[in-house]
C-alpha atoms as a PDB file:
ATOM      1  CA  MET A   1      -6.180  -6.592   1.756  1.00  0.00           C
ATOM      2  CA  ILE A   2      -4.299  -8.112   4.511  1.00  0.00           C
ATOM      3  CA  GLU A   3      -6.976 -10.111   6.783  1.00  0.00           C
ATOM      4  CA  SER A   4      -6.577 -10.057  10.548  1.00  0.00           C
ATOM      5  CA  ASP A   5      -5.314 -13.329  11.135  1.00  0.00           C
ATOM      6  CA  LEU A   6      -2.280 -12.723   8.958  1.00  0.00           C
ATOM      7  CA  LEU A   7      -1.355 -10.029  11.389  1.00  0.00           C
ATOM      8  CA  TYR A   8      -2.248 -11.764  14.196  1.00  0.00           C
ATOM      9  CA  ALA A   9       0.204 -14.682  13.178  1.00  0.00           C
ATOM     10  CA  TYR A  10       2.980 -11.692  12.503  1.00  0.00           C
ATOM     11  CA  LEU A  11       2.499 -10.067  15.535  1.00  0.00           C
ATOM     12  CA  LYS A  12       2.204 -12.898  18.081  1.00  0.00           C
ATOM     13  CA  GLN A  13       5.455 -14.128  19.695  1.00  0.00           C
ATOM     14  CA  LYS A  14       4.547 -17.797  19.112  1.00  0.00           C
ATOM     15  CA  ASP A  15       2.106 -18.865  16.343  1.00  0.00           C
ATOM     16  CA  ARG A  16       2.233 -21.930  14.167  1.00  0.00           C
ATOM     17  CA  LEU A  17       1.933 -19.813  11.178  1.00  0.00           C
ATOM     18  CA  LYS A  18       4.234 -17.007  11.854  1.00  0.00           C
ATOM     19  CA  GLY A  19       6.978 -18.296   9.326  1.00  0.00           C
ATOM     20  CA  VAL A  20       4.125 -18.133   6.498  1.00  0.00           C
ATOM     21  CA  ALA A  21       3.011 -14.861   7.735  1.00  0.00           C
ATOM     22  CA  ALA A  22       6.471 -13.298   7.876  1.00  0.00           C
ATOM     23  CA  ARG A  23       7.313 -14.231   4.577  1.00  0.00           C
ATOM     24  CA  ILE A  24       3.987 -12.664   3.096  1.00  0.00           C
ATOM     25  CA  VAL A  25       4.702  -9.964   5.206  1.00  0.00           C
ATOM     26  CA  GLY A  26       8.361  -9.692   3.706  1.00  0.00           C
ATOM     27  CA  GLU A  27       6.854  -9.765   0.516  1.00  0.00           C
ATOM     28  CA  ILE A  28       4.383  -6.754   0.706  1.00  0.00           C
ATOM     29  CA  GLU A  29       7.176  -4.735   2.019  1.00  0.00           C
ATOM     30  CA  ARG A  30       9.458  -5.562  -0.879  1.00  0.00           C
ATOM     31  CA  GLY A  31       6.211  -4.877  -3.208  1.00  0.00           C
ATOM     32  CA  THR A  32       5.801  -7.931  -4.791  1.00  0.00           C
ATOM     33  CA  PHE A  33       1.821  -7.990  -4.112  1.00  0.00           C
ATOM     34  CA  GLY A  34       1.652  -4.198  -5.309  1.00  0.00           C
ATOM     35  CA  LYS A  35      -0.478  -1.765  -3.048  1.00  0.00           C
ATOM     36  CA  VAL A  36      -1.813  -3.843   0.191  1.00  0.00           C
ATOM     37  CA  TYR A  37      -3.875  -2.101   2.765  1.00  0.00           C
ATOM     38  CA  ALA A  38      -5.955  -3.402   5.919  1.00  0.00           C
ATOM     39  CA  SER A  39      -9.439  -2.504   6.388  1.00  0.00           C
ATOM     40  CA  ARG A  40     -10.279   0.061   9.195  1.00  0.00           C
ATOM     41  CA  GLU A  41     -12.337  -2.771  11.015  1.00  0.00           C
ATOM     42  CA  VAL A  42      -9.042  -5.074  11.186  1.00  0.00           C
ATOM     43  CA  LEU A  43      -7.122  -2.574  12.700  1.00  0.00           C
ATOM     44  CA  HIS A  44      -9.814  -1.590  15.313  1.00  0.00           C
ATOM     45  CA  GLU A  45      -9.944  -5.619  15.850  1.00  0.00           C
ATOM     46  CA  LEU A  46      -6.404  -5.742  16.718  1.00  0.00           C
ATOM     47  CA  TYR A  47      -6.613  -2.631  19.043  1.00  0.00           C
ATOM     48  CA  TYR A  48      -9.194  -4.338  21.159  1.00  0.00           C
ATOM     49  CA  VAL A  49      -7.964  -7.667  21.189  1.00  0.00           C
ATOM     50  CA  SER A  50      -4.308  -6.499  22.251  1.00  0.00           C
ATOM     51  CA  VAL A  51      -5.773  -3.893  24.787  1.00  0.00           C
ATOM     52  CA  ASN A  52      -7.681  -7.034  26.286  1.00  0.00           C
END
């Protein structure tokens, strides 16, 4: 399961953990970790924080 912190670091233009997040997302895209998902709550949090 993906945590919101990883997604925030990946999506933000500048974040001190952006490089690490990008590598992890790349591994997820390649299927290294198998099936990965984000909870509905994480997606809601991303939406509401992004809107504000």
